[in-house]
C-alpha atoms as a PDB file:
ATOM      1  CA  UNK A   1     -22.958  33.607  50.788  1.00  0.00           C
ATOM      2  CA  UNK A   2     -22.816  34.757  47.176  1.00  0.00           C
ATOM      3  CA  UNK A   3     -19.658  36.324  45.836  1.00  0.00           C
ATOM      4  CA  UNK A   4     -21.789  38.817  43.911  1.00  0.00           C
ATOM      5  CA  UNK A   5     -25.506  39.571  44.069  1.00  0.00           C
ATOM      6  CA  UNK A   6     -27.334  41.852  41.644  1.00  0.00           C
ATOM      7  CA  UNK A   7     -31.010  42.445  42.376  1.00  0.00           C
ATOM      8  CA  UNK A   8     -33.116  44.198  39.693  1.00  0.00           C
ATOM      9  CA  UNK A   9     -30.228  46.438  38.669  1.00  0.00           C
ATOM     10  CA  UNK A  10     -30.926  49.092  36.024  1.00  0.00           C
ATOM     11  CA  UNK A  11     -28.678  51.634  34.326  1.00  0.00           C
ATOM     12  CA  UNK A  12     -29.549  54.057  31.539  1.00  0.00           C
ATOM     13  CA  UNK A  13     -27.489  56.563  29.591  1.00  0.00           C
ATOM     14  CA  UNK A  14     -29.976  59.024  28.189  1.00  0.00           C
ATOM     15  CA  UNK A  15     -32.517  56.999  26.201  1.00  0.00           C
ATOM     16  CA  UNK A  16     -30.289  53.906  26.149  1.00  0.00           C
ATOM     17  CA  UNK A  17     -31.179  51.180  28.660  1.00  0.00           C
ATOM     18  CA  UNK A  18     -27.684  49.733  29.089  1.00  0.00           C
ATOM     19  CA  UNK A  19     -28.755  47.309  31.845  1.00  0.00           C
ATOM     20  CA  UNK A  20     -32.417  46.471  32.293  1.00  0.00           C
ATOM     21  CA  UNK A  21     -33.632  44.813  35.535  1.00  0.00           C
ATOM     22  CA  UNK A  22     -30.671  42.453  35.780  1.00  0.00           C
ATOM     23  CA  UNK A  23     -30.718  39.951  38.664  1.00  0.00           C
ATOM     24  CA  UNK A  24     -27.773  37.577  39.094  1.00  0.00           C
ATOM     25  CA  UNK A  25     -26.336  35.455  41.903  1.00  0.00           C
ATOM     26  CA  UNK A  26     -22.683  34.461  41.493  1.00  0.00           C
ATOM     27  CA  UNK A  27     -21.797  31.576  43.803  1.00  0.00           C
ATOM     28  CA  UNK A  28     -18.486  31.474  45.660  1.00  0.00           C
ATOM     29  CA  UNK A  29     -15.776  29.293  44.108  1.00  0.00           C
ATOM     30  CA  UNK A  30     -17.131  29.305  40.549  1.00  0.00           C
ATOM     31  CA  UNK A  31     -16.025  30.596  37.163  1.00  0.00           C
ATOM     32  CA  UNK A  32     -18.786  32.778  35.773  1.00  0.00           C
ATOM     33  CA  UNK A  33     -18.773  33.895  32.133  1.00  0.00           C
ATOM     34  CA  UNK A  34     -20.440  37.180  31.164  1.00  0.00           C
ATOM     35  CA  UNK A  35     -21.265  36.805  27.479  1.00  0.00           C
ATOM     36  CA  UNK A  36     -23.061  39.014  25.007  1.00  0.00           C
ATOM     37  CA  UNK A  37     -22.574  40.940  21.757  1.00  0.00           C
ATOM     38  CA  UNK A  38     -20.935  44.360  21.653  1.00  0.00           C
ATOM     39  CA  UNK A  39     -23.077  46.863  23.521  1.00  0.00           C
ATOM     40  CA  UNK A  40     -24.948  44.172  25.451  1.00  0.00           C
ATOM     41  CA  UNK A  41     -24.186  45.716  28.844  1.00  0.00           C
ATOM     42  CA  UNK A  42     -21.358  43.463  30.055  1.00  0.00           C
ATOM     43  CA  UNK A  43     -18.822  46.180  30.807  1.00  0.00           C
ATOM     44  CA  UNK A  44     -21.490  48.458  32.298  1.00  0.00           C
ATOM     45  CA  UNK A  45     -22.511  45.632  34.639  1.00  0.00           C
ATOM     46  CA  UNK A  46     -18.908  45.007  35.688  1.00  0.00           C
ATOM     47  CA  UNK A  47     -18.344  48.728  36.304  1.00  0.00           C
ATOM     48  CA  UNK A  48     -21.427  48.845  38.512  1.00  0.00           C
ATOM     49  CA  UNK A  49     -20.163  45.837  40.480  1.00  0.00           C
ATOM     50  CA  UNK A  50     -16.904  47.735  40.996  1.00  0.00           C
ATOM     51  CA  UNK A  51     -18.796  50.953  41.897  1.00  0.00           C
ATOM     52  CA  UNK A  52     -17.107  52.853  39.069  1.00  0.00           C
ATOM     53  CA  UNK A  53     -20.584  53.848  37.971  1.00  0.00           C
ATOM     54  CA  UNK A  54     -23.725  53.595  40.087  1.00  0.00           C
ATOM     55  CA  UNK A  55     -26.948  51.868  39.110  1.00  0.00           C
ATOM     56  CA  UNK A  56     -30.066  53.983  38.658  1.00  0.00           C
ATOM     57  CA  UNK A  57     -31.985  51.428  40.706  1.00  0.00           C
ATOM     58  CA  UNK A  58     -31.556  47.987  42.208  1.00  0.00           C
ATOM     59  CA  UNK A  59     -29.163  46.544  44.762  1.00  0.00           C
ATOM     60  CA  UNK A  60     -25.634  45.117  44.527  1.00  0.00           C
ATOM     61  CA  UNK A  61     -23.762  43.107  47.182  1.00  0.00           C
ATOM     62  CA  UNK A  62     -20.112  42.056  46.921  1.00  0.00           C
ATOM     63  CA  UNK A  63     -18.719  39.315  49.162  1.00  0.00           C
ATOM     64  CA  UNK A  64     -21.677  39.700  51.489  1.00  0.00           C
ATOM     65  CA  UNK A  65     -21.353  43.477  51.805  1.00  0.00           C
ATOM     66  CA  UNK A  66     -23.367  46.231  50.141  1.00  0.00           C
ATOM     67  CA  UNK A  67     -20.411  48.633  50.298  1.00  0.00           C
ATOM     68  CA  UNK A  68     -17.605  47.672  47.924  1.00  0.00           C
ATOM     69  CA  UNK A  69     -15.169  49.965  49.756  1.00  0.00           C
ATOM     70  CA  UNK A  70     -15.347  47.564  52.699  1.00  0.00           C
ATOM     71  CA  UNK A  71     -14.201  44.579  50.611  1.00  0.00           C
ATOM     72  CA  UNK A  72     -12.066  46.193  47.898  1.00  0.00           C
ATOM     73  CA  UNK A  73      -8.841  44.661  49.219  1.00  0.00           C
ATOM     74  CA  UNK A  74     -10.369  41.205  48.617  1.00  0.00           C
ATOM     75  CA  UNK A  75     -11.065  41.902  44.926  1.00  0.00           C
ATOM     76  CA  UNK A  76      -8.876  41.840  41.833  1.00  0.00           C
ATOM     77  CA  UNK A  77     -10.218  43.817  38.854  1.00  0.00           C
ATOM     78  CA  UNK A  78      -8.794  43.953  35.333  1.00  0.00           C
ATOM     79  CA  UNK A  79     -10.652  46.594  33.302  1.00  0.00           C
ATOM     80  CA  UNK A  80     -11.143  46.539  29.557  1.00  0.00           C
ATOM     81  CA  UNK A  81      -8.926  49.619  29.298  1.00  0.00           C
ATOM     82  CA  UNK A  82      -5.471  48.566  30.446  1.00  0.00           C
ATOM     83  CA  UNK A  83      -3.538  50.893  32.744  1.00  0.00           C
ATOM     84  CA  UNK A  84       0.207  50.264  32.998  1.00  0.00           C
ATOM     85  CA  UNK A  85       2.905  52.896  33.362  1.00  0.00           C
ATOM     86  CA  UNK A  86       4.866  52.632  30.119  1.00  0.00           C
ATOM     87  CA  UNK A  87       8.145  54.075  31.457  1.00  0.00           C
ATOM     88  CA  UNK A  88       8.316  51.667  34.414  1.00  0.00           C
ATOM     89  CA  UNK A  89       9.794  48.186  34.221  1.00  0.00           C
ATOM     90  CA  UNK A  90       7.561  45.143  34.507  1.00  0.00           C
ATOM     91  CA  UNK A  91       9.029  44.395  37.944  1.00  0.00           C
ATOM     92  CA  UNK A  92       8.426  47.939  39.233  1.00  0.00           C
ATOM     93  CA  UNK A  93       4.875  48.026  37.855  1.00  0.00           C
ATOM     94  CA  UNK A  94       4.005  44.826  39.687  1.00  0.00           C
ATOM     95  CA  UNK A  95       5.681  46.019  42.888  1.00  0.00           C
ATOM     96  CA  UNK A  96       3.985  49.415  42.714  1.00  0.00           C
ATOM     97  CA  UNK A  97       0.464  48.076  42.238  1.00  0.00           C
ATOM     98  CA  UNK A  98       1.033  45.379  44.842  1.00  0.00           C
ATOM     99  CA  UNK A  99       1.941  48.050  47.390  1.00  0.00           C
ATOM    100  CA  UNK A 100      -1.156  50.104  46.475  1.00  0.00           C
ATOM    101  CA  UNK A 101      -3.260  46.991  47.103  1.00  0.00           C
ATOM    102  CA  UNK A 102      -1.815  46.625  50.587  1.00  0.00           C
ATOM    103  CA  UNK A 103       0.720  43.848  50.065  1.00  0.00           C
ATOM    104  CA  UNK A 104       3.630  44.402  52.458  1.00  0.00           C
ATOM    105  CA  UNK A 105       7.275  44.542  51.400  1.00  0.00           C
ATOM    106  CA  UNK A 106       8.102  41.057  52.635  1.00  0.00           C
ATOM    107  CA  UNK A 107       5.223  39.483  50.701  1.00  0.00           C
ATOM    108  CA  UNK A 108       6.000  41.541  47.611  1.00  0.00           C
ATOM    109  CA  UNK A 109       9.592  40.289  47.637  1.00  0.00           C
ATOM    110  CA  UNK A 110       8.165  36.791  47.169  1.00  0.00           C
ATOM    111  CA  UNK A 111       5.089  37.430  45.055  1.00  0.00           C
ATOM    112  CA  UNK A 112       6.579  39.721  42.392  1.00  0.00           C
ATOM    113  CA  UNK A 113       9.170  37.219  41.075  1.00  0.00           C
ATOM    114  CA  UNK A 114       6.669  34.373  41.488  1.00  0.00           C
ATOM    115  CA  UNK A 115       4.078  36.097  39.316  1.00  0.00           C
ATOM    116  CA  UNK A 116       6.611  37.295  36.754  1.00  0.00           C
ATOM    117  CA  UNK A 117       7.678  33.678  36.393  1.00  0.00           C
ATOM    118  CA  UNK A 118       4.086  32.446  36.415  1.00  0.00           C
ATOM    119  CA  UNK A 119       3.065  34.624  33.457  1.00  0.00           C
ATOM    120  CA  UNK A 120       6.376  33.913  31.692  1.00  0.00           C
ATOM    121  CA  UNK A 121       7.767  37.436  31.985  1.00  0.00           C
ATOM    122  CA  UNK A 122      10.765  36.697  34.225  1.00  0.00           C
ATOM    123  CA  UNK A 123      13.182  37.321  31.361  1.00  0.00           C
ATOM    124  CA  UNK A 124      11.485  40.671  30.723  1.00  0.00           C
ATOM    125  CA  UNK A 125      11.268  41.795  34.353  1.00  0.00           C
ATOM    126  CA  UNK A 126      13.621  44.747  33.903  1.00  0.00           C
ATOM    127  CA  UNK A 127      12.294  45.839  30.515  1.00  0.00           C
ATOM    128  CA  UNK A 128      10.104  48.929  30.356  1.00  0.00           C
ATOM    129  CA  UNK A 129       6.434  48.339  29.666  1.00  0.00           C
ATOM    130  CA  UNK A 130       6.715  50.260  26.392  1.00  0.00           C
ATOM    131  CA  UNK A 131       9.177  47.619  25.194  1.00  0.00           C
ATOM    132  CA  UNK A 132       6.757  44.758  25.755  1.00  0.00           C
ATOM    133  CA  UNK A 133       4.408  43.289  23.182  1.00  0.00           C
ATOM    134  CA  UNK A 134       0.634  43.607  23.448  1.00  0.00           C
ATOM    135  CA  UNK A 135       0.353  40.049  24.725  1.00  0.00           C
ATOM    136  CA  UNK A 136       3.009  40.730  27.374  1.00  0.00           C
ATOM    137  CA  UNK A 137       1.081  43.825  28.475  1.00  0.00           C
ATOM    138  CA  UNK A 138      -1.980  41.639  28.890  1.00  0.00           C
ATOM    139  CA  UNK A 139      -0.148  39.057  30.993  1.00  0.00           C
ATOM    140  CA  UNK A 140       1.444  41.759  33.162  1.00  0.00           C
ATOM    141  CA  UNK A 141      -1.971  43.359  33.681  1.00  0.00           C
ATOM    142  CA  UNK A 142      -3.309  39.988  34.782  1.00  0.00           C
ATOM    143  CA  UNK A 143      -0.459  39.592  37.290  1.00  0.00           C
ATOM    144  CA  UNK A 144      -1.184  43.115  38.605  1.00  0.00           C
ATOM    145  CA  UNK A 145      -4.829  42.109  39.050  1.00  0.00           C
ATOM    146  CA  UNK A 146      -4.090  39.075  41.218  1.00  0.00           C
ATOM    147  CA  UNK A 147      -0.910  40.143  43.059  1.00  0.00           C
ATOM    148  CA  UNK A 148      -2.972  40.751  46.238  1.00  0.00           C
ATOM    149  CA  UNK A 149      -4.323  37.150  46.209  1.00  0.00           C
ATOM    150  CA  UNK A 150      -7.968  38.264  45.901  1.00  0.00           C
ATOM    151  CA  UNK A 151     -11.015  36.147  46.777  1.00  0.00           C
ATOM    152  CA  UNK A 152     -12.985  37.605  43.851  1.00  0.00           C
ATOM    153  CA  UNK A 153     -11.358  38.196  40.457  1.00  0.00           C
ATOM    154  CA  UNK A 154     -13.204  40.234  37.811  1.00  0.00           C
ATOM    155  CA  UNK A 155     -11.693  40.229  34.323  1.00  0.00           C
ATOM    156  CA  UNK A 156     -13.003  42.276  31.400  1.00  0.00           C
ATOM    157  CA  UNK A 157     -11.912  40.600  28.142  1.00  0.00           C
ATOM    158  CA  UNK A 158      -8.864  38.839  29.657  1.00  0.00           C
ATOM    159  CA  UNK A 159      -7.980  36.952  26.451  1.00  0.00           C
ATOM    160  CA  UNK A 160      -7.862  39.976  24.170  1.00  0.00           C
ATOM    161  CA  UNK A 161      -4.482  40.227  22.440  1.00  0.00           C
ATOM    162  CA  UNK A 162      -3.269  36.783  23.564  1.00  0.00           C
ATOM    163  CA  UNK A 163      -2.115  34.048  21.205  1.00  0.00           C
ATOM    164  CA  UNK A 164      -3.413  30.481  21.773  1.00  0.00           C
ATOM    165  CA  UNK A 165      -0.465  29.482  23.975  1.00  0.00           C
ATOM    166  CA  UNK A 166      -0.922  32.454  26.279  1.00  0.00           C
ATOM    167  CA  UNK A 167      -4.691  31.977  26.308  1.00  0.00           C
ATOM    168  CA  UNK A 168      -4.013  28.486  27.665  1.00  0.00           C
ATOM    169  CA  UNK A 169      -1.571  29.936  30.212  1.00  0.00           C
ATOM    170  CA  UNK A 170      -4.155  32.354  31.629  1.00  0.00           C
ATOM    171  CA  UNK A 171      -6.911  29.741  31.402  1.00  0.00           C
ATOM    172  CA  UNK A 172      -4.882  27.293  33.520  1.00  0.00           C
ATOM    173  CA  UNK A 173      -4.180  29.951  36.141  1.00  0.00           C
ATOM    174  CA  UNK A 174      -7.890  30.794  36.318  1.00  0.00           C
ATOM    175  CA  UNK A 175      -8.775  27.126  36.812  1.00  0.00           C
ATOM    176  CA  UNK A 176      -6.175  26.794  39.573  1.00  0.00           C
ATOM    177  CA  UNK A 177      -7.625  29.841  41.321  1.00  0.00           C
ATOM    178  CA  UNK A 178     -11.093  28.301  41.061  1.00  0.00           C
ATOM    179  CA  UNK A 179      -9.761  25.082  42.597  1.00  0.00           C
ATOM    180  CA  UNK A 180      -8.417  27.170  45.489  1.00  0.00           C
ATOM    181  CA  UNK A 181     -11.954  28.405  46.177  1.00  0.00           C
ATOM    182  CA  UNK A 182     -11.698  31.784  44.473  1.00  0.00           C
ATOM    183  CA  UNK A 183     -14.525  33.229  42.383  1.00  0.00           C
ATOM    184  CA  UNK A 184     -13.777  34.437  38.864  1.00  0.00           C
ATOM    185  CA  UNK A 185     -16.069  36.555  36.723  1.00  0.00           C
ATOM    186  CA  UNK A 186     -14.968  37.373  33.216  1.00  0.00           C
ATOM    187  CA  UNK A 187     -16.465  38.827  30.076  1.00  0.00           C
ATOM    188  CA  UNK A 188     -15.240  37.548  26.750  1.00  0.00           C
ATOM    189  CA  UNK A 189     -15.891  37.220  23.038  1.00  0.00           C
ATOM    190  CA  UNK A 190     -13.622  34.147  22.866  1.00  0.00           C
ATOM    191  CA  UNK A 191     -16.336  31.494  22.954  1.00  0.00           C
ATOM    192  CA  UNK A 192     -14.092  28.433  22.949  1.00  0.00           C
ATOM    193  CA  UNK A 193     -12.251  29.688  26.028  1.00  0.00           C
ATOM    194  CA  UNK A 194     -15.518  30.375  27.841  1.00  0.00           C
ATOM    195  CA  UNK A 195     -16.618  26.863  26.893  1.00  0.00           C
ATOM    196  CA  UNK A 196     -13.536  25.357  28.538  1.00  0.00           C
ATOM    197  CA  UNK A 197     -13.591  27.539  31.641  1.00  0.00           C
ATOM    198  CA  UNK A 198     -17.079  28.407  32.780  1.00  0.00           C
ATOM    199  CA  UNK A 199     -19.115  26.703  35.460  1.00  0.00           C
ATOM    200  CA  UNK A 200     -21.932  29.157  34.757  1.00  0.00           C
ATOM    201  CA  UNK A 201     -22.894  31.233  31.736  1.00  0.00           C
ATOM    202  CA  UNK A 202     -24.626  34.603  31.923  1.00  0.00           C
ATOM    203  CA  UNK A 203     -25.788  35.806  28.501  1.00  0.00           C
ATOM    204  CA  UNK A 204     -27.192  39.309  28.162  1.00  0.00           C
ATOM    205  CA  UNK A 205     -28.359  41.204  25.103  1.00  0.00           C
ATOM    206  CA  UNK A 206     -29.414  44.857  24.998  1.00  0.00           C
ATOM    207  CA  UNK A 207     -29.075  44.948  28.772  1.00  0.00           C
ATOM    208  CA  UNK A 208     -31.536  42.119  29.365  1.00  0.00           C
ATOM    209  CA  UNK A 209     -30.900  38.673  30.788  1.00  0.00           C
ATOM    210  CA  UNK A 210     -31.162  35.942  28.129  1.00  0.00           C
ATOM    211  CA  UNK A 211     -29.914  33.008  30.184  1.00  0.00           C
ATOM    212  CA  UNK A 212     -28.162  32.266  33.459  1.00  0.00           C
ATOM    213  CA  UNK A 213     -27.304  28.610  34.033  1.00  0.00           C
ATOM    214  CA  UNK A 214     -24.615  25.950  33.910  1.00  0.00           C
ATOM    215  CA  UNK A 215     -23.154  25.240  30.494  1.00  0.00           C
ATOM    216  CA  UNK A 216     -24.444  21.644  30.589  1.00  0.00           C
ATOM    217  CA  UNK A 217     -27.993  22.798  31.317  1.00  0.00           C
ATOM    218  CA  UNK A 218     -27.788  25.443  28.607  1.00  0.00           C
ATOM    219  CA  UNK A 219     -26.651  22.875  26.077  1.00  0.00           C
ATOM    220  CA  UNK A 220     -29.366  20.385  27.007  1.00  0.00           C
ATOM    221  CA  UNK A 221     -32.065  23.017  26.524  1.00  0.00           C
ATOM    222  CA  UNK A 222     -30.603  24.538  23.374  1.00  0.00           C
ATOM    223  CA  UNK A 223     -29.798  21.304  21.544  1.00  0.00           C
ATOM    224  CA  UNK A 224     -30.432  21.551  17.812  1.00  0.00           C
ATOM    225  CA  UNK A 225     -31.215  17.806  17.714  1.00  0.00           C
ATOM    226  CA  UNK A 226     -28.603  17.270  15.015  1.00  0.00           C
ATOM    227  CA  UNK A 227     -27.133  13.825  14.388  1.00  0.00           C
ATOM    228  CA  UNK A 228     -24.100  13.025  12.267  1.00  0.00           C
ATOM    229  CA  UNK A 229     -24.394   9.640  10.531  1.00  0.00           C
ATOM    230  CA  UNK A 230     -22.445   7.576   8.028  1.00  0.00           C
ATOM    231  CA  UNK A 231     -24.292   4.862   6.119  1.00  0.00           C
ATOM    232  CA  UNK A 232     -23.415   2.202   3.585  1.00  0.00           C
ATOM    233  CA  UNK A 233     -25.259   2.362   0.270  1.00  0.00           C
ATOM    234  CA  UNK A 234     -27.936   4.754  -0.946  1.00  0.00           C
ATOM    235  CA  UNK A 235     -28.841   7.465   1.593  1.00  0.00           C
ATOM    236  CA  UNK A 236     -31.617   9.213  -0.345  1.00  0.00           C
ATOM    237  CA  UNK A 237     -34.287   7.719   1.919  1.00  0.00           C
ATOM    238  CA  UNK A 238     -33.050   9.624   4.973  1.00  0.00           C
ATOM    239  CA  UNK A 239     -34.637  12.957   4.072  1.00  0.00           C
ATOM    240  CA  UNK A 240     -38.037  11.245   3.706  1.00  0.00           C
ATOM    241  CA  UNK A 241     -38.083   9.816   7.244  1.00  0.00           C
ATOM    242  CA  UNK A 242     -40.915  11.410   9.275  1.00  0.00           C
ATOM    243  CA  UNK A 243     -38.713  12.705  12.118  1.00  0.00           C
ATOM    244  CA  UNK A 244     -36.202  14.398   9.755  1.00  0.00           C
ATOM    245  CA  UNK A 245     -36.492  18.103   8.993  1.00  0.00           C
ATOM    246  CA  UNK A 246     -33.188  18.723   7.169  1.00  0.00           C
ATOM    247  CA  UNK A 247     -30.223  16.803   5.740  1.00  0.00           C
ATOM    248  CA  UNK A 248     -26.819  18.256   4.915  1.00  0.00           C
ATOM    249  CA  UNK A 249     -24.053  16.247   3.246  1.00  0.00           C
ATOM    250  CA  UNK A 250     -20.557  16.513   4.734  1.00  0.00           C
ATOM    251  CA  UNK A 251     -18.360  14.219   2.627  1.00  0.00           C
ATOM    252  CA  UNK A 252     -19.331  10.641   3.483  1.00  0.00           C
ATOM    253  CA  UNK A 253     -21.395  11.830   6.413  1.00  0.00           C
ATOM    254  CA  UNK A 254     -24.844  13.307   6.734  1.00  0.00           C
ATOM    255  CA  UNK A 255     -25.740  15.966   9.279  1.00  0.00           C
ATOM    256  CA  UNK A 256     -29.397  15.306  10.014  1.00  0.00           C
ATOM    257  CA  UNK A 257     -31.668  17.696  11.935  1.00  0.00           C
ATOM    258  CA  UNK A 258     -34.534  15.995  13.760  1.00  0.00           C
ATOM    259  CA  UNK A 259     -37.948  17.377  14.603  1.00  0.00           C
ATOM    260  CA  UNK A 260     -37.586  16.197  18.192  1.00  0.00           C
ATOM    261  CA  UNK A 261     -34.974  14.680  20.508  1.00  0.00           C
ATOM    262  CA  UNK A 262     -35.880  11.016  19.918  1.00  0.00           C
ATOM    263  CA  UNK A 263     -32.529   9.996  18.466  1.00  0.00           C
ATOM    264  CA  UNK A 264     -33.072   6.312  19.260  1.00  0.00           C
ATOM    265  CA  UNK A 265     -36.184   6.239  17.072  1.00  0.00           C
ATOM    266  CA  UNK A 266     -34.136   7.760  14.271  1.00  0.00           C
ATOM    267  CA  UNK A 267     -31.344   5.194  14.725  1.00  0.00           C
ATOM    268  CA  UNK A 268     -33.870   2.354  14.612  1.00  0.00           C
ATOM    269  CA  UNK A 269     -35.325   3.733  11.355  1.00  0.00           C
ATOM    270  CA  UNK A 270     -31.848   3.915   9.815  1.00  0.00           C
ATOM    271  CA  UNK A 271     -30.955   0.353  10.800  1.00  0.00           C
ATOM    272  CA  UNK A 272     -34.096  -0.934   9.098  1.00  0.00           C
ATOM    273  CA  UNK A 273     -32.939   0.524   5.779  1.00  0.00           C
ATOM    274  CA  UNK A 274     -29.134   0.581   5.808  1.00  0.00           C
ATOM    275  CA  UNK A 275     -25.972  -0.452   7.611  1.00  0.00           C
ATOM    276  CA  UNK A 276     -24.982   2.293  10.050  1.00  0.00           C
ATOM    277  CA  UNK A 277     -21.216   2.831  10.134  1.00  0.00           C
ATOM    278  CA  UNK A 278     -21.232   5.891  12.421  1.00  0.00           C
ATOM    279  CA  UNK A 279     -23.855   7.637  14.529  1.00  0.00           C
ATOM    280  CA  UNK A 280     -23.135  10.698  16.698  1.00  0.00           C
ATOM    281  CA  UNK A 281     -25.493  13.085  18.438  1.00  0.00           C
ATOM    282  CA  UNK A 282     -23.943  16.514  17.945  1.00  0.00           C
ATOM    283  CA  UNK A 283     -23.775  18.765  20.997  1.00  0.00           C
ATOM    284  CA  UNK A 284     -24.171  22.451  20.070  1.00  0.00           C
ATOM    285  CA  UNK A 285     -21.086  24.568  20.697  1.00  0.00           C
ATOM    286  CA  UNK A 286     -21.248  27.670  22.865  1.00  0.00           C
ATOM    287  CA  UNK A 287     -20.723  29.698  19.682  1.00  0.00           C
ATOM    288  CA  UNK A 288     -23.820  28.135  18.111  1.00  0.00           C
ATOM    289  CA  UNK A 289     -25.854  28.666  21.280  1.00  0.00           C
ATOM    290  CA  UNK A 290     -24.695  32.296  21.452  1.00  0.00           C
ATOM    291  CA  UNK A 291     -25.663  32.994  17.832  1.00  0.00           C
ATOM    292  CA  UNK A 292     -29.038  31.263  18.134  1.00  0.00           C
ATOM    293  CA  UNK A 293     -30.086  32.942  21.382  1.00  0.00           C
ATOM    294  CA  UNK A 294     -28.887  36.430  20.501  1.00  0.00           C
ATOM    295  CA  UNK A 295     -30.530  36.125  17.092  1.00  0.00           C
ATOM    296  CA  UNK A 296     -33.799  35.001  18.673  1.00  0.00           C
ATOM    297  CA  UNK A 297     -33.616  37.858  21.194  1.00  0.00           C
ATOM    298  CA  UNK A 298     -33.062  40.434  18.419  1.00  0.00           C
ATOM    299  CA  UNK A 299     -35.996  38.980  16.458  1.00  0.00           C
ATOM    300  CA  UNK A 300     -38.314  39.334  19.458  1.00  0.00           C
ATOM    301  CA  UNK A 301     -37.338  42.978  19.905  1.00  0.00           C
ATOM    302  CA  UNK A 302     -37.778  43.890  16.242  1.00  0.00           C
END
């Protein structure tokens, strides 16, 4: 069973095709990153999954059911627009939303202090929401999202407003939930966090699917074939080697772009002409992959 299935889903707003024939299968027990530039269709897709807006065409299944109302109690959803009652205390907010989600009083008595402690808000439990910082709001909203122990967690920009320490805090909780067999879908612009967290990457641009695969597979296909080398002596010969297309100096090192992936051939050519002190095949970052693929997609549409 898939946690989420989208089959040829489309959604337009007037002349704007916000989501265009999107088909995705999100496996149970995985962390799935929804990536894309502003206006790509990420939030629209998430809102259709949650039945906040309906697709114009296509089919959506959640936790094996086509009707989200039947499985809503098994889902935790954190929207991009946060919704906390500013005059209530952190403790009361968490208790209130837990009760709405069907958590009984006995369970709430245990879960509320546990989650306040887990997101490092125990010392602020009896402070009103309006007294909390933006980052504290974000952590409280996350606790509200998962207070019902959901099987499927959907997070829209969960790292927005968090400093690096709190990003790590939420990241570790997400990984623990994944290890417990839960499925997590999140959209983000924080590429380095997606790189650490995601089992699968979904990249969309202008409502269209650009890629849907594991991060390792994405990297292997999108490799820029760049090698970082450090040589002894004169390095001028490097740019004249037949497999080299570009050379960039970085201090004592050279970043060399190859015409193909035959790095061993390149290493052999270097060793024939110089002493090699360092040789490293550079793996493209998710940020680089994102920029390259979105740029290529925009070029095709222009």
